[in-house]
Amino acid sequence: MANIYGFPDAHDLDDSITKEVIIRTWCSLYMIDQWSSAGLNLPRQIEDDQKRPVHEIEFWRLKPEVFFTPSFRAKALPSLWGHMVDLAQMFGRVKDFHEELAEGSMNEHDTELTTYKLKERFDEFTRLKLPLEHHYTPRTFKTHAAAGLGGTFVALHLGYHHYATLLYFPYLDPQLTQIPGRSSYVDLCKSHAASFSDLLRTSHETPNCEAVYLIVAHMTVVSSSVLLHTLLFGEEDELSEARRRLYSNFEILLKLKQYWPGADFMVKPRMVRFGQELTK
């Protein structure tokens, strides 16, 4: 339907609110396409070169009679949703990497080189593309929460940690022991999975910032899988924090089941295992 209407392009006579709604709708479809294509193993349908919406506060301030000029959009602050589109694009590259690994078409050199290049993209995102005020700290989180953007801010950083966890997840497999950088990639996988868990817990402890959309259940299961790996194979000094975070994830998964019955299909096969490990 969006293609029939000509998204993401708007009509010349459309006011700025309509144009922004079209861009935001198209960006949402782009992210859904990245996720759904990966889940269904289908080619992606929407190209990566997408328009980015203006900052959320600017969007809320728009009036129907206002028309954006090209110079205004060029000077507009980057939006949290725009950053999420950038991350979804990186997720697509991680998914391609996983497919090549599963097909066995990459040797050890190519595997490490691809991982390094993708790691550089994540590092470049935080170092160059993400403004300091959009980095996660207790202060920036508090600022966004006060502005009514806490949930969106949380979604951005949950996505960042989830995609990074997925990038390094294959290195938990002992079959990749011959890759020189494996130990550092395992540490990064554990770090991002732990950060995801901590942020998810913080979001549920902060009013109006709770991450309760359905895909969070899947993301939490991925984080929990890494934490469970740490609990089973990690060093002694890692076990206490891994158990605490696993328990926290377990609680939130139970909470999400109340909102989304479909979450049970993601959670149920692992819940018994999680529960067994948590009681040890």
C-alpha atoms as a PDB file:
ATOM      1  CA  MET A   1       0.000   0.000   0.000  1.00  0.00           C
ATOM      2  CA  ALA A   2       2.881   2.361   0.763  1.00  0.00           C
ATOM      3  CA  ASN A   3       4.327   1.692  -2.688  1.00  0.00           C
ATOM      4  CA  ILE A   4       0.961   2.402  -4.298  1.00  0.00           C
ATOM      5  CA  TYR A   5       0.822   5.743  -2.494  1.00  0.00           C
ATOM      6  CA  GLY A   6       4.350   6.537  -3.620  1.00  0.00           C
ATOM      7  CA  PHE A   7       6.041   6.566  -0.197  1.00  0.00           C
ATOM      8  CA  PRO A   8       8.405   7.967   0.898  1.00  0.00           C
ATOM      9  CA  ASP A   9       7.791  10.835  -1.521  1.00  0.00           C
ATOM     10  CA  ALA A  10       5.012  13.258  -0.641  1.00  0.00           C
ATOM     11  CA  HIS A  11       2.963  15.595  -2.819  1.00  0.00           C
ATOM     12  CA  ASP A  12       4.219  19.148  -3.206  1.00  0.00           C
ATOM     13  CA  LEU A  13       1.076  20.529  -1.589  1.00  0.00           C
ATOM     14  CA  ASP A  14       1.323  18.301   1.495  1.00  0.00           C
ATOM     15  CA  ASP A  15       2.070  20.214   4.673  1.00  0.00           C
ATOM     16  CA  SER A  16       5.082  19.350   6.814  1.00  0.00           C
ATOM     17  CA  ILE A  17       3.128  17.172   9.266  1.00  0.00           C
ATOM     18  CA  THR A  18       1.888  14.977   6.419  1.00  0.00           C
ATOM     19  CA  LYS A  19       5.355  14.778   4.882  1.00  0.00           C
ATOM     20  CA  GLU A  20       6.917  13.797   8.209  1.00  0.00           C
ATOM     21  CA  VAL A  21       4.244  11.182   8.869  1.00  0.00           C
ATOM     22  CA  ILE A  22       4.973   9.672   5.448  1.00  0.00           C
ATOM     23  CA  ILE A  23       8.718   9.569   6.145  1.00  0.00           C
ATOM     24  CA  ARG A  24       8.209   8.058   9.604  1.00  0.00           C
ATOM     25  CA  THR A  25       5.796   5.462   8.229  1.00  0.00           C
ATOM     26  CA  TRP A  26       8.269   4.515   5.525  1.00  0.00           C
ATOM     27  CA  CYS A  27      11.116   4.277   8.051  1.00  0.00           C
ATOM     28  CA  SER A  28       8.960   1.956  10.172  1.00  0.00           C
ATOM     29  CA  LEU A  29       8.307  -0.223   7.121  1.00  0.00           C
ATOM     30  CA  TYR A  30      12.024  -0.249   6.328  1.00  0.00           C
ATOM     31  CA  MET A  31      12.840  -1.559   9.812  1.00  0.00           C
ATOM     32  CA  ILE A  32      10.046  -4.150   9.619  1.00  0.00           C
ATOM     33  CA  ASP A  33      11.398  -5.278   6.245  1.00  0.00           C
ATOM     34  CA  GLN A  34      14.866  -5.794   7.742  1.00  0.00           C
ATOM     35  CA  TRP A  35      13.470  -7.878  10.592  1.00  0.00           C
ATOM     36  CA  SER A  36      10.827  -9.824   8.657  1.00  0.00           C
ATOM     37  CA  SER A  37      13.137 -10.663   5.769  1.00  0.00           C
ATOM     38  CA  ALA A  38      15.633 -12.087   8.233  1.00  0.00           C
ATOM     39  CA  GLY A  39      12.962 -14.082  10.063  1.00  0.00           C
ATOM     40  CA  LEU A  40      11.410 -15.502   6.881  1.00  0.00           C
ATOM     41  CA  ASN A  41      14.713 -15.869   4.988  1.00  0.00           C
ATOM     42  CA  LEU A  42      13.444 -13.696   2.140  1.00  0.00           C
ATOM     43  CA  PRO A  43      15.217 -10.979   0.144  1.00  0.00           C
ATOM     44  CA  ARG A  44      14.807  -7.479   1.536  1.00  0.00           C
ATOM     45  CA  GLN A  45      12.318  -5.372  -0.409  1.00  0.00           C
ATOM     46  CA  ILE A  46      13.239  -1.795   0.541  1.00  0.00           C
ATOM     47  CA  GLU A  47      16.511  -0.142  -0.409  1.00  0.00           C
ATOM     48  CA  ASP A  48      18.887   1.168   2.254  1.00  0.00           C
ATOM     49  CA  ASP A  49      19.027   4.772   1.017  1.00  0.00           C
ATOM     50  CA  GLN A  50      16.156   6.186   3.045  1.00  0.00           C
ATOM     51  CA  LYS A  51      15.131   9.667   4.114  1.00  0.00           C
ATOM     52  CA  ARG A  52      15.502  10.402   7.796  1.00  0.00           C
ATOM     53  CA  PRO A  53      12.826  12.117   9.915  1.00  0.00           C
ATOM     54  CA  VAL A  54      13.503  15.320  11.820  1.00  0.00           C
ATOM     55  CA  HIS A  55      14.037  15.270  15.568  1.00  0.00           C
ATOM     56  CA  GLU A  56      11.031  14.127  17.567  1.00  0.00           C
ATOM     57  CA  ILE A  57      10.659  17.441  19.433  1.00  0.00           C
ATOM     58  CA  GLU A  58      10.641  19.341  16.127  1.00  0.00           C
ATOM     59  CA  PHE A  59       7.999  16.952  14.827  1.00  0.00           C
ATOM     60  CA  TRP A  60       5.771  17.519  17.862  1.00  0.00           C
ATOM     61  CA  ARG A  61       6.037  21.295  17.381  1.00  0.00           C
ATOM     62  CA  LEU A  62       4.852  21.250  13.755  1.00  0.00           C
ATOM     63  CA  LYS A  63       1.654  23.004  12.756  1.00  0.00           C
ATOM     64  CA  PRO A  64      -0.456  22.055   9.724  1.00  0.00           C
ATOM     65  CA  GLU A  65       0.185  25.334   7.965  1.00  0.00           C
ATOM     66  CA  VAL A  66       3.970  25.045   8.301  1.00  0.00           C
ATOM     67  CA  PHE A  67       6.007  23.955   5.294  1.00  0.00           C
ATOM     68  CA  PHE A  68       9.581  22.729   5.645  1.00  0.00           C
ATOM     69  CA  THR A  69      12.186  24.299   3.435  1.00  0.00           C
ATOM     70  CA  PRO A  70      15.196  22.214   2.293  1.00  0.00           C
ATOM     71  CA  SER A  71      17.457  24.409   4.430  1.00  0.00           C
ATOM     72  CA  PHE A  72      15.374  23.745   7.555  1.00  0.00           C
ATOM     73  CA  ARG A  73      15.582  19.981   7.072  1.00  0.00           C
ATOM     74  CA  ALA A  74      19.319  20.225   6.426  1.00  0.00           C
ATOM     75  CA  LYS A  75      19.808  22.065   9.736  1.00  0.00           C
ATOM     76  CA  ALA A  76      17.359  19.964  11.757  1.00  0.00           C
ATOM     77  CA  LEU A  77      18.719  17.921  14.644  1.00  0.00           C
ATOM     78  CA  PRO A  78      19.103  14.184  13.955  1.00  0.00           C
ATOM     79  CA  SER A  79      16.238  12.106  15.276  1.00  0.00           C
ATOM     80  CA  LEU A  80      16.262   9.017  17.469  1.00  0.00           C
ATOM     81  CA  TRP A  81      14.215   7.247  14.807  1.00  0.00           C
ATOM     82  CA  GLY A  82      16.807   8.175  12.202  1.00  0.00           C
ATOM     83  CA  HIS A  83      19.487   6.500  14.309  1.00  0.00           C
ATOM     84  CA  MET A  84      17.317   3.394  14.589  1.00  0.00           C
ATOM     85  CA  VAL A  85      17.074   3.243  10.797  1.00  0.00           C
ATOM     86  CA  ASP A  86      20.885   3.351  10.613  1.00  0.00           C
ATOM     87  CA  LEU A  87      21.101   0.484  13.105  1.00  0.00           C
ATOM     88  CA  ALA A  88      18.492  -1.564  11.228  1.00  0.00           C
ATOM     89  CA  GLN A  89      20.639  -1.203   8.115  1.00  0.00           C
ATOM     90  CA  MET A  90      23.616  -2.574  10.073  1.00  0.00           C
ATOM     91  CA  PHE A  91      21.432  -5.437  11.303  1.00  0.00           C
ATOM     92  CA  GLY A  92      20.849  -6.379   7.667  1.00  0.00           C
ATOM     93  CA  ARG A  93      24.605  -6.714   7.171  1.00  0.00           C
ATOM     94  CA  VAL A  94      24.918  -8.836  10.322  1.00  0.00           C
ATOM     95  CA  LYS A  95      22.133 -11.097   9.057  1.00  0.00           C
ATOM     96  CA  ASP A  96      23.987 -11.536   5.740  1.00  0.00           C
ATOM     97  CA  PHE A  97      27.125 -12.423   7.710  1.00  0.00           C
ATOM     98  CA  HIS A  98      25.259 -15.084   9.687  1.00  0.00           C
ATOM     99  CA  GLU A  99      23.856 -16.586   6.486  1.00  0.00           C
ATOM    100  CA  GLU A 100      27.324 -16.936   4.984  1.00  0.00           C
ATOM    101  CA  LEU A 101      28.597 -18.561   8.169  1.00  0.00           C
ATOM    102  CA  ALA A 102      25.685 -21.017   8.183  1.00  0.00           C
ATOM    103  CA  GLU A 103      26.321 -21.913   4.540  1.00  0.00           C
ATOM    104  CA  GLY A 104      29.991 -22.612   5.295  1.00  0.00           C
ATOM    105  CA  SER A 105      31.102 -20.317   2.486  1.00  0.00           C
ATOM    106  CA  MET A 106      33.587 -18.304   4.609  1.00  0.00           C
ATOM    107  CA  ASN A 107      37.049 -19.369   5.692  1.00  0.00           C
ATOM    108  CA  GLU A 108      38.548 -18.248   9.001  1.00  0.00           C
ATOM    109  CA  HIS A 109      40.287 -15.245   7.468  1.00  0.00           C
ATOM    110  CA  ASP A 110      37.111 -13.973   5.785  1.00  0.00           C
ATOM    111  CA  THR A 111      35.096 -14.591   8.953  1.00  0.00           C
ATOM    112  CA  GLU A 112      37.394 -12.456  11.087  1.00  0.00           C
ATOM    113  CA  LEU A 113      37.764  -9.778   8.399  1.00  0.00           C
ATOM    114  CA  THR A 114      33.985  -9.454   7.998  1.00  0.00           C
ATOM    115  CA  THR A 115      33.535  -9.309  11.774  1.00  0.00           C
ATOM    116  CA  TYR A 116      36.183  -6.606  12.043  1.00  0.00           C
ATOM    117  CA  LYS A 117      34.559  -4.506   9.314  1.00  0.00           C
ATOM    118  CA  LEU A 118      31.142  -4.785  10.935  1.00  0.00           C
ATOM    119  CA  LYS A 119      32.651  -3.949  14.321  1.00  0.00           C
ATOM    120  CA  GLU A 120      34.151  -0.832  12.735  1.00  0.00           C
ATOM    121  CA  ARG A 121      30.676   0.175  11.533  1.00  0.00           C
ATOM    122  CA  PHE A 122      29.285  -0.132  15.050  1.00  0.00           C
ATOM    123  CA  ASP A 123      32.216   1.842  16.455  1.00  0.00           C
ATOM    124  CA  GLU A 124      31.806   4.508  13.769  1.00  0.00           C
ATOM    125  CA  PHE A 125      28.110   4.782  14.569  1.00  0.00           C
ATOM    126  CA  THR A 126      28.748   5.628  18.218  1.00  0.00           C
ATOM    127  CA  ARG A 127      31.855   7.706  17.568  1.00  0.00           C
ATOM    128  CA  LEU A 128      30.774   9.759  14.555  1.00  0.00           C
ATOM    129  CA  LYS A 129      27.048   9.411  13.803  1.00  0.00           C
ATOM    130  CA  LEU A 130      25.538   9.441  17.285  1.00  0.00           C
ATOM    131  CA  PRO A 131      25.658  12.893  18.943  1.00  0.00           C
ATOM    132  CA  LEU A 132      26.916  12.941  22.510  1.00  0.00           C
ATOM    133  CA  GLU A 133      23.478  13.909  23.799  1.00  0.00           C
ATOM    134  CA  HIS A 134      22.137  10.674  22.271  1.00  0.00           C
ATOM    135  CA  HIS A 135      24.750   8.455  23.911  1.00  0.00           C
ATOM    136  CA  TYR A 136      23.401   6.479  26.840  1.00  0.00           C
ATOM    137  CA  THR A 137      24.336   7.767  30.278  1.00  0.00           C
ATOM    138  CA  PRO A 138      22.165   8.137  33.391  1.00  0.00           C
ATOM    139  CA  ARG A 139      22.029  11.881  32.674  1.00  0.00           C
ATOM    140  CA  THR A 140      20.998  11.607  29.002  1.00  0.00           C
ATOM    141  CA  PHE A 141      18.427   8.958  29.880  1.00  0.00           C
ATOM    142  CA  LYS A 142      16.949  11.214  32.541  1.00  0.00           C
ATOM    143  CA  THR A 143      16.888  14.126  30.079  1.00  0.00           C
ATOM    144  CA  HIS A 144      15.087  12.130  27.398  1.00  0.00           C
ATOM    145  CA  ALA A 145      12.651  10.675  29.900  1.00  0.00           C
ATOM    146  CA  ALA A 146      11.767  14.175  31.136  1.00  0.00           C
ATOM    147  CA  ALA A 147      11.135  15.262  27.532  1.00  0.00           C
ATOM    148  CA  GLY A 148       8.756  12.346  26.928  1.00  0.00           C
ATOM    149  CA  LEU A 149      11.306  10.513  24.784  1.00  0.00           C
ATOM    150  CA  GLY A 150      12.453   7.931  27.309  1.00  0.00           C
ATOM    151  CA  GLY A 151      10.814   4.982  25.558  1.00  0.00           C
ATOM    152  CA  THR A 152      12.236   5.911  22.154  1.00  0.00           C
ATOM    153  CA  PHE A 153      15.677   6.517  23.658  1.00  0.00           C
ATOM    154  CA  VAL A 154      15.554   3.093  25.327  1.00  0.00           C
ATOM    155  CA  ALA A 155      14.453   1.434  22.062  1.00  0.00           C
ATOM    156  CA  LEU A 156      17.434   2.938  20.250  1.00  0.00           C
ATOM    157  CA  HIS A 157      19.968   1.610  22.731  1.00  0.00           C
ATOM    158  CA  LEU A 158      18.287  -1.757  23.222  1.00  0.00           C
ATOM    159  CA  GLY A 159      18.517  -2.179  19.462  1.00  0.00           C
ATOM    160  CA  TYR A 160      22.173  -1.172  19.459  1.00  0.00           C
ATOM    161  CA  HIS A 161      23.116  -3.726  22.114  1.00  0.00           C
ATOM    162  CA  HIS A 162      20.961  -6.432  20.531  1.00  0.00           C
ATOM    163  CA  TYR A 163      22.466  -6.016  17.053  1.00  0.00           C
ATOM    164  CA  ALA A 164      25.987  -5.979  18.493  1.00  0.00           C
ATOM    165  CA  THR A 165      25.218  -9.111  20.523  1.00  0.00           C
ATOM    166  CA  LEU A 166      24.070 -10.829  17.326  1.00  0.00           C
ATOM    167  CA  LEU A 167      27.260  -9.827  15.516  1.00  0.00           C
ATOM    168  CA  TYR A 168      29.510 -11.531  18.069  1.00  0.00           C
ATOM    169  CA  PHE A 169      27.126 -14.364  19.000  1.00  0.00           C
ATOM    170  CA  PRO A 170      28.706 -16.959  16.633  1.00  0.00           C
ATOM    171  CA  TYR A 171      31.989 -16.661  18.545  1.00  0.00           C
ATOM    172  CA  LEU A 172      30.418 -18.420  21.515  1.00  0.00           C
ATOM    173  CA  ASP A 173      30.691 -21.536  19.339  1.00  0.00           C
ATOM    174  CA  PRO A 174      33.933 -23.403  20.157  1.00  0.00           C
ATOM    175  CA  GLN A 175      34.276 -24.294  16.464  1.00  0.00           C
ATOM    176  CA  LEU A 176      35.612 -20.771  15.901  1.00  0.00           C
ATOM    177  CA  THR A 177      38.512 -21.209  18.341  1.00  0.00           C
ATOM    178  CA  GLN A 178      41.037 -20.928  15.491  1.00  0.00           C
ATOM    179  CA  ILE A 179      40.126 -17.291  14.829  1.00  0.00           C
ATOM    180  CA  PRO A 180      42.747 -15.101  16.584  1.00  0.00           C
ATOM    181  CA  GLY A 181      40.293 -12.443  17.789  1.00  0.00           C
ATOM    182  CA  ARG A 182      37.710 -14.898  19.139  1.00  0.00           C
ATOM    183  CA  SER A 183      38.248 -14.195  22.852  1.00  0.00           C
ATOM    184  CA  SER A 184      37.790 -10.440  22.411  1.00  0.00           C
ATOM    185  CA  TYR A 185      34.624 -11.009  20.359  1.00  0.00           C
ATOM    186  CA  VAL A 186      33.256 -13.336  23.042  1.00  0.00           C
ATOM    187  CA  ASP A 187      33.898 -10.620  25.635  1.00  0.00           C
ATOM    188  CA  LEU A 188      32.090  -8.067  23.459  1.00  0.00           C
ATOM    189  CA  CYS A 189      29.138 -10.412  23.038  1.00  0.00           C
ATOM    190  CA  LYS A 190      28.894 -10.862  26.804  1.00  0.00           C
ATOM    191  CA  SER A 191      29.260  -7.133  27.417  1.00  0.00           C
ATOM    192  CA  HIS A 192      26.465  -6.142  25.020  1.00  0.00           C
ATOM    193  CA  ALA A 193      24.150  -8.877  26.306  1.00  0.00           C
ATOM    194  CA  ALA A 194      24.736  -7.647  29.858  1.00  0.00           C
ATOM    195  CA  SER A 195      24.198  -4.003  28.866  1.00  0.00           C
ATOM    196  CA  PHE A 196      20.957  -4.961  27.143  1.00  0.00           C
ATOM    197  CA  SER A 197      19.743  -6.664  30.323  1.00  0.00           C
ATOM    198  CA  ASP A 198      20.702  -3.712  32.544  1.00  0.00           C
ATOM    199  CA  LEU A 199      19.019  -1.177  30.278  1.00  0.00           C
ATOM    200  CA  LEU A 200      15.898  -3.312  29.955  1.00  0.00           C
ATOM    201  CA  ARG A 201      15.640  -3.499  33.743  1.00  0.00           C
ATOM    202  CA  THR A 202      16.181   0.272  34.046  1.00  0.00           C
ATOM    203  CA  SER A 203      13.450   0.931  31.491  1.00  0.00           C
ATOM    204  CA  HIS A 204      10.964  -1.123  33.504  1.00  0.00           C
ATOM    205  CA  GLU A 205      11.912   0.714  36.682  1.00  0.00           C
ATOM    206  CA  THR A 206      11.379   4.141  35.101  1.00  0.00           C
ATOM    207  CA  PRO A 207       7.803   5.431  34.598  1.00  0.00           C
ATOM    208  CA  ASN A 208       6.725   5.809  30.955  1.00  0.00           C
ATOM    209  CA  CYS A 209       9.936   4.243  29.659  1.00  0.00           C
ATOM    210  CA  GLU A 210       9.060   0.540  29.775  1.00  0.00           C
ATOM    211  CA  ALA A 211      10.045  -1.465  26.701  1.00  0.00           C
ATOM    212  CA  VAL A 212       7.022  -3.755  26.277  1.00  0.00           C
ATOM    213  CA  TYR A 213       6.671  -4.212  22.508  1.00  0.00           C
ATOM    214  CA  LEU A 214       6.617  -7.809  21.247  1.00  0.00           C
ATOM    215  CA  ILE A 215      10.066  -7.999  19.672  1.00  0.00           C
ATOM    216  CA  VAL A 216      11.607  -7.223  23.080  1.00  0.00           C
ATOM    217  CA  ALA A 217      10.751 -10.807  24.044  1.00  0.00           C
ATOM    218  CA  HIS A 218      12.926 -12.151  21.234  1.00  0.00           C
ATOM    219  CA  MET A 219      15.729  -9.715  22.032  1.00  0.00           C
ATOM    220  CA  THR A 220      15.580 -10.665  25.707  1.00  0.00           C
ATOM    221  CA  VAL A 221      15.816 -14.361  24.856  1.00  0.00           C
ATOM    222  CA  VAL A 222      18.985 -13.662  22.845  1.00  0.00           C
ATOM    223  CA  SER A 223      20.475 -11.718  25.766  1.00  0.00           C
ATOM    224  CA  SER A 224      19.474 -14.533  28.124  1.00  0.00           C
ATOM    225  CA  SER A 225      21.113 -17.137  25.890  1.00  0.00           C
ATOM    226  CA  VAL A 226      24.436 -15.314  26.215  1.00  0.00           C
ATOM    227  CA  LEU A 227      23.989 -14.916  29.968  1.00  0.00           C
ATOM    228  CA  LEU A 228      23.170 -18.607  30.274  1.00  0.00           C
ATOM    229  CA  HIS A 229      26.332 -19.439  28.323  1.00  0.00           C
ATOM    230  CA  THR A 230      28.285 -17.319  30.806  1.00  0.00           C
ATOM    231  CA  LEU A 231      26.605 -19.048  33.723  1.00  0.00           C
ATOM    232  CA  LEU A 232      27.531 -22.461  32.346  1.00  0.00           C
ATOM    233  CA  PHE A 233      31.010 -21.785  30.957  1.00  0.00           C
ATOM    234  CA  GLY A 234      32.151 -18.447  32.402  1.00  0.00           C
ATOM    235  CA  GLU A 235      34.754 -17.609  35.020  1.00  0.00           C
ATOM    236  CA  GLU A 236      33.902 -17.708  38.701  1.00  0.00           C
ATOM    237  CA  ASP A 237      33.842 -13.922  39.035  1.00  0.00           C
ATOM    238  CA  GLU A 238      31.256 -13.650  36.198  1.00  0.00           C
ATOM    239  CA  LEU A 239      28.660 -15.995  37.631  1.00  0.00           C
ATOM    240  CA  SER A 240      26.972 -13.800  40.227  1.00  0.00           C
ATOM    241  CA  GLU A 241      26.209 -10.928  37.829  1.00  0.00           C
ATOM    242  CA  ALA A 242      25.187 -13.313  35.053  1.00  0.00           C
ATOM    243  CA  ARG A 243      22.729 -15.029  37.398  1.00  0.00           C
ATOM    244  CA  ARG A 244      21.309 -11.680  38.558  1.00  0.00           C
ATOM    245  CA  ARG A 245      20.794 -10.458  34.994  1.00  0.00           C
ATOM    246  CA  LEU A 246      19.334 -13.773  33.893  1.00  0.00           C
ATOM    247  CA  TYR A 247      16.835 -13.589  36.729  1.00  0.00           C
ATOM    248  CA  SER A 248      15.959 -10.002  35.743  1.00  0.00           C
ATOM    249  CA  ASN A 249      15.411 -11.059  32.115  1.00  0.00           C
ATOM    250  CA  PHE A 250      13.285 -13.968  33.297  1.00  0.00           C
ATOM    251  CA  GLU A 251      11.030 -11.629  35.278  1.00  0.00           C
ATOM    252  CA  ILE A 252      10.545  -9.298  32.321  1.00  0.00           C
ATOM    253  CA  LEU A 253       9.810 -12.189  29.956  1.00  0.00           C
ATOM    254  CA  LEU A 254       7.038 -13.274  32.312  1.00  0.00           C
ATOM    255  CA  LYS A 255       5.723  -9.702  32.308  1.00  0.00           C
ATOM    256  CA  LEU A 256       5.784  -9.523  28.512  1.00  0.00           C
ATOM    257  CA  LYS A 257       3.747 -12.737  28.288  1.00  0.00           C
ATOM    258  CA  GLN A 258       0.894 -10.894  30.001  1.00  0.00           C
ATOM    259  CA  TYR A 259       0.820  -8.326  27.172  1.00  0.00           C
ATOM    260  CA  TRP A 260       1.697 -10.561  24.219  1.00  0.00           C
ATOM    261  CA  PRO A 261       0.449 -14.175  24.211  1.00  0.00           C
ATOM    262  CA  GLY A 262       2.644 -14.712  21.147  1.00  0.00           C
ATOM    263  CA  ALA A 263       5.718 -14.145  23.300  1.00  0.00           C
ATOM    264  CA  ASP A 264       5.108 -17.577  24.772  1.00  0.00           C
ATOM    265  CA  PHE A 265       6.329 -19.187  21.541  1.00  0.00           C
ATOM    266  CA  MET A 266       9.675 -17.381  21.868  1.00  0.00           C
ATOM    267  CA  VAL A 267      10.009 -17.941  25.583  1.00  0.00           C
ATOM    268  CA  LYS A 268       8.517 -21.319  26.468  1.00  0.00           C
ATOM    269  CA  PRO A 269      11.237 -23.651  25.076  1.00  0.00           C
ATOM    270  CA  ARG A 270      13.866 -21.822  27.142  1.00  0.00           C
ATOM    271  CA  MET A 271      11.986 -20.967  30.298  1.00  0.00           C
ATOM    272  CA  VAL A 272      12.422 -24.353  31.942  1.00  0.00           C
ATOM    273  CA  ARG A 273      16.160 -24.223  31.305  1.00  0.00           C
ATOM    274  CA  PHE A 274      16.375 -20.670  32.611  1.00  0.00           C
ATOM    275  CA  GLY A 275      14.392 -21.594  35.700  1.00  0.00           C
ATOM    276  CA  GLN A 276      16.612 -24.604  36.406  1.00  0.00           C
ATOM    277  CA  GLU A 277      19.778 -22.538  36.167  1.00  0.00           C
ATOM    278  CA  LEU A 278      18.379 -19.715  38.305  1.00  0.00           C
ATOM    279  CA  THR A 279      17.551 -22.084  41.145  1.00  0.00           C
ATOM    280  CA  LYS A 280      21.075 -23.490  41.325  1.00  0.00           C
END
